[in-house]
C-alpha cells in the first residue's frame, strides 16, 4: 500500500504515533515536503535517521520550502521506480523535482520545492524548482498524455492556495501548478505546505497530520 502524510519537520515522534502504526513491510510512505531529517548532521539527527532505516516500509519525500538543499544534493542520484531519486538510505529516498514514478502500478508525478513566506522571490532560491526542472516536469507530463494517477507536491496551485487563505502570497511555482492542475487528468493530488488537513475536492487534498491510503 501507498500512504501519504504531511510535513514531518525532523520530528521522530511522528513515526512513533499510532497513525503510522498501520504501515507494514513492503508499504510506502510519501511525505509532502519539509522532511527535515537531513539538516545539520548532528548526533541527534544521525540517531533519528538510524531509527528510520529500521522501519520496514519505504519512506519517500519531496522537498519542501525548509530543507538543507546543499546537503540533499550531496546524496547519490539513483534509478528508482522508473525514474530517479536521491538515495538517503536503503529505505529512504528524496523524489526528484518533475520526475515520474511507477509505484504499485500507480503513476506518480512529484514536484517538490516551495518558498518560505519570509523569502524574497526576486532572489534565486534553491527551495524553488529551476526553469530546467519545470521544463523536465512538462516533458514528463506530456509523455504521459497529461494523465497521471497521483500528484505529490509541497506547494498548492495558486487558485487553491488563495481559496484556502485569501491573502496568501503566490509564487511562480504556485502559478505553474495551476497550469498543471488545469491541463492534467489525475485521480489524487496531495500537497502539504499549508499545514492543514482539508479535502478541497474528491481529488485535491491538503494534508498535514492525516495519513491517506492509496489502494
C-alpha atoms as a PDB file:
ATOM      1  CA  UNK A   1       0.000   0.000   0.000  1.00  0.00           C
ATOM      2  CA  UNK A   2       0.971   3.625  -0.534  1.00  0.00           C
ATOM      3  CA  UNK A   3       0.392   6.065   2.326  1.00  0.00           C
ATOM      4  CA  UNK A   4       0.728   9.851   2.175  1.00  0.00           C
ATOM      5  CA  UNK A   5       1.188  12.337   5.007  1.00  0.00           C
ATOM      6  CA  UNK A   6       2.301  15.926   5.518  1.00  0.00           C
ATOM      7  CA  UNK A   7       5.440  17.700   6.696  1.00  0.00           C
ATOM      8  CA  UNK A   8       7.420  15.877   9.366  1.00  0.00           C
ATOM      9  CA  UNK A   9       9.969  18.647  10.145  1.00  0.00           C
ATOM     10  CA  UNK A  10      12.522  16.218  11.531  1.00  0.00           C
ATOM     11  CA  UNK A  11      10.196  15.110  14.338  1.00  0.00           C
ATOM     12  CA  UNK A  12      10.933  11.439  15.052  1.00  0.00           C
ATOM     13  CA  UNK A  13       7.839  11.198  17.246  1.00  0.00           C
ATOM     14  CA  UNK A  14       5.686  11.390  14.109  1.00  0.00           C
ATOM     15  CA  UNK A  15       6.960   7.938  13.180  1.00  0.00           C
ATOM     16  CA  UNK A  16       6.099   6.561  16.601  1.00  0.00           C
ATOM     17  CA  UNK A  17       2.476   7.680  16.536  1.00  0.00           C
ATOM     18  CA  UNK A  18      -0.459   5.322  16.123  1.00  0.00           C
ATOM     19  CA  UNK A  19      -1.445   6.860  12.801  1.00  0.00           C
ATOM     20  CA  UNK A  20       1.617   5.292  11.165  1.00  0.00           C
ATOM     21  CA  UNK A  21       1.244   2.020  13.025  1.00  0.00           C
ATOM     22  CA  UNK A  22      -0.747   0.536  10.158  1.00  0.00           C
ATOM     23  CA  UNK A  23       2.232   0.545   7.812  1.00  0.00           C
ATOM     24  CA  UNK A  24       3.920  -2.810   7.297  1.00  0.00           C
ATOM     25  CA  UNK A  25       6.754  -4.381   5.345  1.00  0.00           C
ATOM     26  CA  UNK A  26       6.569  -3.555   1.667  1.00  0.00           C
ATOM     27  CA  UNK A  27       4.452  -0.418   2.141  1.00  0.00           C
ATOM     28  CA  UNK A  28       5.471   3.059   1.010  1.00  0.00           C
ATOM     29  CA  UNK A  29       5.067   6.312   2.941  1.00  0.00           C
ATOM     30  CA  UNK A  30       5.315   9.575   0.977  1.00  0.00           C
ATOM     31  CA  UNK A  31       5.914  12.853   2.850  1.00  0.00           C
ATOM     32  CA  UNK A  32       4.719  16.016   1.093  1.00  0.00           C
ATOM     33  CA  UNK A  33       7.765  18.147   1.880  1.00  0.00           C
ATOM     34  CA  UNK A  34       9.780  19.555   4.795  1.00  0.00           C
ATOM     35  CA  UNK A  35      11.016  16.094   5.726  1.00  0.00           C
ATOM     36  CA  UNK A  36      13.597  17.738   7.978  1.00  0.00           C
ATOM     37  CA  UNK A  37      15.794  14.756   8.821  1.00  0.00           C
ATOM     38  CA  UNK A  38      18.626  15.949   6.546  1.00  0.00           C
ATOM     39  CA  UNK A  39      19.589  19.191   8.208  1.00  0.00           C
ATOM     40  CA  UNK A  40      22.707  19.662  10.355  1.00  0.00           C
ATOM     41  CA  UNK A  41      24.214  16.168  10.616  1.00  0.00           C
ATOM     42  CA  UNK A  42      24.010  16.420  14.400  1.00  0.00           C
ATOM     43  CA  UNK A  43      24.282  13.395  16.681  1.00  0.00           C
ATOM     44  CA  UNK A  44      20.530  13.589  17.286  1.00  0.00           C
ATOM     45  CA  UNK A  45      19.821  13.669  13.567  1.00  0.00           C
ATOM     46  CA  UNK A  46      22.121  10.714  12.881  1.00  0.00           C
ATOM     47  CA  UNK A  47      20.377   8.766  15.648  1.00  0.00           C
ATOM     48  CA  UNK A  48      16.936   9.595  14.256  1.00  0.00           C
ATOM     49  CA  UNK A  49      17.906   8.633  10.722  1.00  0.00           C
ATOM     50  CA  UNK A  50      19.176   5.326  12.028  1.00  0.00           C
ATOM     51  CA  UNK A  51      15.784   4.740  13.630  1.00  0.00           C
ATOM     52  CA  UNK A  52      14.071   5.456  10.316  1.00  0.00           C
ATOM     53  CA  UNK A  53      16.297   2.991   8.471  1.00  0.00           C
ATOM     54  CA  UNK A  54      14.926   0.278  10.742  1.00  0.00           C
ATOM     55  CA  UNK A  55      11.368   0.862   9.552  1.00  0.00           C
ATOM     56  CA  UNK A  56      10.031  -2.000   7.454  1.00  0.00           C
ATOM     57  CA  UNK A  57       8.481   0.337   4.906  1.00  0.00           C
ATOM     58  CA  UNK A  58       9.981   2.776   2.399  1.00  0.00           C
ATOM     59  CA  UNK A  59       9.984   6.487   3.232  1.00  0.00           C
ATOM     60  CA  UNK A  60       9.873   8.858   0.259  1.00  0.00           C
ATOM     61  CA  UNK A  61       9.632  12.622   0.335  1.00  0.00           C
ATOM     62  CA  UNK A  62       9.528  15.636  -1.926  1.00  0.00           C
ATOM     63  CA  UNK A  63      11.442  18.716  -0.906  1.00  0.00           C
ATOM     64  CA  UNK A  64       9.602  21.433   0.957  1.00  0.00           C
ATOM     65  CA  UNK A  65      10.440  25.080   1.471  1.00  0.00           C
ATOM     66  CA  UNK A  66      12.595  24.419   4.535  1.00  0.00           C
ATOM     67  CA  UNK A  67      15.326  21.891   3.745  1.00  0.00           C
ATOM     68  CA  UNK A  68      19.108  21.822   3.745  1.00  0.00           C
ATOM     69  CA  UNK A  69      19.263  21.707  -0.047  1.00  0.00           C
ATOM     70  CA  UNK A  70      23.046  21.726  -0.132  1.00  0.00           C
ATOM     71  CA  UNK A  71      23.176  18.543   1.940  1.00  0.00           C
ATOM     72  CA  UNK A  72      20.370  16.870   0.000  1.00  0.00           C
ATOM     73  CA  UNK A  73      22.255  17.456  -3.242  1.00  0.00           C
ATOM     74  CA  UNK A  74      25.229  15.542  -1.861  1.00  0.00           C
ATOM     75  CA  UNK A  75      23.330  12.247  -1.863  1.00  0.00           C
ATOM     76  CA  UNK A  76      23.746   9.892  -4.795  1.00  0.00           C
ATOM     77  CA  UNK A  77      21.146  10.018  -7.540  1.00  0.00           C
ATOM     78  CA  UNK A  78      19.963   6.518  -8.417  1.00  0.00           C
ATOM     79  CA  UNK A  79      17.386   4.835 -10.623  1.00  0.00           C
ATOM     80  CA  UNK A  80      14.182   4.413  -8.687  1.00  0.00           C
ATOM     81  CA  UNK A  81      10.771   3.070  -9.769  1.00  0.00           C
ATOM     82  CA  UNK A  82      11.218   4.022 -13.456  1.00  0.00           C
ATOM     83  CA  UNK A  83      12.588   7.439 -12.502  1.00  0.00           C
ATOM     84  CA  UNK A  84      15.483   8.838 -10.487  1.00  0.00           C
ATOM     85  CA  UNK A  85      15.769   9.825  -6.836  1.00  0.00           C
ATOM     86  CA  UNK A  86      18.417  10.709  -4.295  1.00  0.00           C
ATOM     87  CA  UNK A  87      19.166   7.784  -2.025  1.00  0.00           C
ATOM     88  CA  UNK A  88      19.382   8.734   1.647  1.00  0.00           C
ATOM     89  CA  UNK A  89      19.331   5.133   2.914  1.00  0.00           C
ATOM     90  CA  UNK A  90      18.157   1.748   1.674  1.00  0.00           C
ATOM     91  CA  UNK A  91      14.562   2.653   2.537  1.00  0.00           C
ATOM     92  CA  UNK A  92      14.668   6.482   2.360  1.00  0.00           C
ATOM     93  CA  UNK A  93      14.640   8.467  -0.884  1.00  0.00           C
ATOM     94  CA  UNK A  94      14.178  12.086  -1.908  1.00  0.00           C
ATOM     95  CA  UNK A  95      11.988  12.255  -5.017  1.00  0.00           C
ATOM     96  CA  UNK A  96      13.407  14.456  -7.750  1.00  0.00           C
ATOM     97  CA  UNK A  97      11.579  17.543  -8.952  1.00  0.00           C
ATOM     98  CA  UNK A  98       9.410  16.954 -12.002  1.00  0.00           C
ATOM     99  CA  UNK A  99      10.009  13.195 -12.003  1.00  0.00           C
ATOM    100  CA  UNK A 100       7.542  10.416 -12.751  1.00  0.00           C
ATOM    101  CA  UNK A 101       7.499   7.137 -10.829  1.00  0.00           C
ATOM    102  CA  UNK A 102       5.660   3.858 -11.136  1.00  0.00           C
ATOM    103  CA  UNK A 103       4.909   2.534  -7.649  1.00  0.00           C
ATOM    104  CA  UNK A 104       2.478  -0.338  -7.108  1.00  0.00           C
ATOM    105  CA  UNK A 105       1.067   0.235 -10.617  1.00  0.00           C
ATOM    106  CA  UNK A 106       0.365   3.908  -9.858  1.00  0.00           C
ATOM    107  CA  UNK A 107       1.965   6.644 -11.955  1.00  0.00           C
ATOM    108  CA  UNK A 108       3.145   9.293  -9.508  1.00  0.00           C
ATOM    109  CA  UNK A 109       4.254  12.777 -10.539  1.00  0.00           C
ATOM    110  CA  UNK A 110       6.426  14.525  -7.948  1.00  0.00           C
ATOM    111  CA  UNK A 111       7.352  18.187  -7.832  1.00  0.00           C
ATOM    112  CA  UNK A 112       8.881  19.337  -4.567  1.00  0.00           C
ATOM    113  CA  UNK A 113      10.078  22.760  -3.553  1.00  0.00           C
ATOM    114  CA  UNK A 114       8.422  25.859  -2.203  1.00  0.00           C
ATOM    115  CA  UNK A 115       9.079  29.341  -0.943  1.00  0.00           C
ATOM    116  CA  UNK A 116       9.097  30.294   2.753  1.00  0.00           C
ATOM    117  CA  UNK A 117       6.704  33.202   3.480  1.00  0.00           C
ATOM    118  CA  UNK A 118       9.603  35.390   4.559  1.00  0.00           C
ATOM    119  CA  UNK A 119      11.659  34.763   1.401  1.00  0.00           C
ATOM    120  CA  UNK A 120      12.214  37.272  -1.398  1.00  0.00           C
ATOM    121  CA  UNK A 121      11.179  35.694  -4.686  1.00  0.00           C
ATOM    122  CA  UNK A 122      13.221  38.223  -6.661  1.00  0.00           C
ATOM    123  CA  UNK A 123      16.342  36.407  -5.480  1.00  0.00           C
ATOM    124  CA  UNK A 124      17.255  32.945  -6.767  1.00  0.00           C
ATOM    125  CA  UNK A 125      16.328  30.359  -4.157  1.00  0.00           C
ATOM    126  CA  UNK A 126      17.369  26.690  -4.058  1.00  0.00           C
ATOM    127  CA  UNK A 127      13.981  25.975  -2.498  1.00  0.00           C
ATOM    128  CA  UNK A 128      12.202  26.639  -5.802  1.00  0.00           C
ATOM    129  CA  UNK A 129      12.460  24.450  -8.918  1.00  0.00           C
ATOM    130  CA  UNK A 130      14.694  25.799 -11.657  1.00  0.00           C
ATOM    131  CA  UNK A 131      13.432  26.533 -15.157  1.00  0.00           C
ATOM    132  CA  UNK A 132      15.131  23.343 -16.321  1.00  0.00           C
ATOM    133  CA  UNK A 133      13.321  21.293 -13.652  1.00  0.00           C
ATOM    134  CA  UNK A 134       9.978  22.789 -14.643  1.00  0.00           C
ATOM    135  CA  UNK A 135      10.674  22.078 -18.306  1.00  0.00           C
ATOM    136  CA  UNK A 136      11.518  18.480 -17.356  1.00  0.00           C
ATOM    137  CA  UNK A 137       8.211  18.275 -15.484  1.00  0.00           C
ATOM    138  CA  UNK A 138       6.300  19.451 -18.555  1.00  0.00           C
ATOM    139  CA  UNK A 139       8.035  16.904 -20.776  1.00  0.00           C
ATOM    140  CA  UNK A 140       7.197  14.078 -18.377  1.00  0.00           C
ATOM    141  CA  UNK A 141       3.540  15.086 -18.164  1.00  0.00           C
ATOM    142  CA  UNK A 142       3.293  15.394 -21.930  1.00  0.00           C
ATOM    143  CA  UNK A 143       4.815  11.933 -22.373  1.00  0.00           C
ATOM    144  CA  UNK A 144       2.003  10.606 -20.162  1.00  0.00           C
ATOM    145  CA  UNK A 145      -0.513  12.387 -22.398  1.00  0.00           C
ATOM    146  CA  UNK A 146      -1.375  14.641 -19.479  1.00  0.00           C
ATOM    147  CA  UNK A 147      -2.700  11.713 -17.417  1.00  0.00           C
ATOM    148  CA  UNK A 148      -1.217  10.533 -14.106  1.00  0.00           C
ATOM    149  CA  UNK A 149      -2.668   8.736 -11.123  1.00  0.00           C
ATOM    150  CA  UNK A 150      -1.205  10.705  -8.216  1.00  0.00           C
ATOM    151  CA  UNK A 151       0.438  14.128  -7.926  1.00  0.00           C
ATOM    152  CA  UNK A 152       2.646  14.897  -4.915  1.00  0.00           C
ATOM    153  CA  UNK A 153       3.763  18.481  -4.316  1.00  0.00           C
ATOM    154  CA  UNK A 154       4.677  20.657  -1.369  1.00  0.00           C
ATOM    155  CA  UNK A 155       3.088  23.822  -2.690  1.00  0.00           C
ATOM    156  CA  UNK A 156      -0.546  24.164  -3.786  1.00  0.00           C
ATOM    157  CA  UNK A 157      -1.796  25.507  -7.107  1.00  0.00           C
ATOM    158  CA  UNK A 158      -2.245  29.286  -6.916  1.00  0.00           C
ATOM    159  CA  UNK A 159      -6.050  29.277  -7.129  1.00  0.00           C
ATOM    160  CA  UNK A 160      -6.322  26.585  -4.461  1.00  0.00           C
ATOM    161  CA  UNK A 161      -3.905  28.381  -2.143  1.00  0.00           C
ATOM    162  CA  UNK A 162      -5.902  31.611  -2.437  1.00  0.00           C
ATOM    163  CA  UNK A 163      -9.149  29.725  -1.889  1.00  0.00           C
ATOM    164  CA  UNK A 164      -7.849  28.345   1.415  1.00  0.00           C
ATOM    165  CA  UNK A 165      -6.137  31.576   2.513  1.00  0.00           C
ATOM    166  CA  UNK A 166      -7.441  34.615   0.662  1.00  0.00           C
ATOM    167  CA  UNK A 167      -4.403  36.773   1.415  1.00  0.00           C
ATOM    168  CA  UNK A 168      -1.775  34.077   0.817  1.00  0.00           C
ATOM    169  CA  UNK A 169       1.333  35.064  -1.115  1.00  0.00           C
ATOM    170  CA  UNK A 170       1.625  33.465  -4.532  1.00  0.00           C
ATOM    171  CA  UNK A 171       4.924  32.498  -6.146  1.00  0.00           C
ATOM    172  CA  UNK A 172       5.877  31.279  -9.618  1.00  0.00           C
ATOM    173  CA  UNK A 173       5.633  27.639  -8.545  1.00  0.00           C
ATOM    174  CA  UNK A 174       2.025  28.121  -7.411  1.00  0.00           C
ATOM    175  CA  UNK A 175       1.210  29.600 -10.816  1.00  0.00           C
ATOM    176  CA  UNK A 176       2.957  26.735 -12.605  1.00  0.00           C
ATOM    177  CA  UNK A 177       0.983  24.216 -10.540  1.00  0.00           C
ATOM    178  CA  UNK A 178      -2.232  25.978 -11.520  1.00  0.00           C
ATOM    179  CA  UNK A 179      -1.343  25.249 -15.139  1.00  0.00           C
ATOM    180  CA  UNK A 180      -0.648  21.620 -14.286  1.00  0.00           C
ATOM    181  CA  UNK A 181      -3.986  21.371 -12.484  1.00  0.00           C
ATOM    182  CA  UNK A 182      -5.943  22.674 -15.454  1.00  0.00           C
ATOM    183  CA  UNK A 183      -4.091  20.648 -18.075  1.00  0.00           C
ATOM    184  CA  UNK A 184      -3.625  17.270 -16.408  1.00  0.00           C
ATOM    185  CA  UNK A 185      -6.024  14.472 -15.558  1.00  0.00           C
ATOM    186  CA  UNK A 186      -5.258  12.917 -12.181  1.00  0.00           C
ATOM    187  CA  UNK A 187      -7.014  10.850  -9.543  1.00  0.00           C
ATOM    188  CA  UNK A 188      -5.488  12.404  -6.411  1.00  0.00           C
ATOM    189  CA  UNK A 189      -3.288  15.418  -5.711  1.00  0.00           C
ATOM    190  CA  UNK A 190      -1.722  15.824  -2.268  1.00  0.00           C
ATOM    191  CA  UNK A 191       0.116  18.963  -1.075  1.00  0.00           C
ATOM    192  CA  UNK A 192       1.402  19.863   2.383  1.00  0.00           C
ATOM    193  CA  UNK A 193       2.723  23.419   2.613  1.00  0.00           C
ATOM    194  CA  UNK A 194      -0.366  24.923   4.266  1.00  0.00           C
ATOM    195  CA  UNK A 195      -0.170  22.689   7.360  1.00  0.00           C
ATOM    196  CA  UNK A 196      -3.857  21.806   7.289  1.00  0.00           C
ATOM    197  CA  UNK A 197      -5.840  18.618   6.874  1.00  0.00           C
ATOM    198  CA  UNK A 198      -8.510  19.626   4.427  1.00  0.00           C
ATOM    199  CA  UNK A 199     -10.158  17.952   1.459  1.00  0.00           C
ATOM    200  CA  UNK A 200     -10.666  20.595  -1.201  1.00  0.00           C
ATOM    201  CA  UNK A 201     -12.419  18.198  -3.586  1.00  0.00           C
ATOM    202  CA  UNK A 202     -12.562  14.475  -4.255  1.00  0.00           C
ATOM    203  CA  UNK A 203      -9.156  14.730  -5.910  1.00  0.00           C
ATOM    204  CA  UNK A 204      -7.388  17.709  -4.251  1.00  0.00           C
ATOM    205  CA  UNK A 205      -6.215  17.120  -0.688  1.00  0.00           C
ATOM    206  CA  UNK A 206      -4.313  19.402   1.673  1.00  0.00           C
ATOM    207  CA  UNK A 207      -2.518  17.102   4.122  1.00  0.00           C
ATOM    208  CA  UNK A 208      -0.655  17.672   7.366  1.00  0.00           C
ATOM    209  CA  UNK A 209      -1.196  15.168  10.173  1.00  0.00           C
ATOM    210  CA  UNK A 210      -3.647  12.830   8.452  1.00  0.00           C
ATOM    211  CA  UNK A 211      -2.441   9.668   6.718  1.00  0.00           C
ATOM    212  CA  UNK A 212      -4.118   8.846   3.407  1.00  0.00           C
ATOM    213  CA  UNK A 213      -4.026   5.376   1.910  1.00  0.00           C
ATOM    214  CA  UNK A 214      -3.894   4.696  -1.799  1.00  0.00           C
ATOM    215  CA  UNK A 215      -5.184   1.207  -2.533  1.00  0.00           C
END
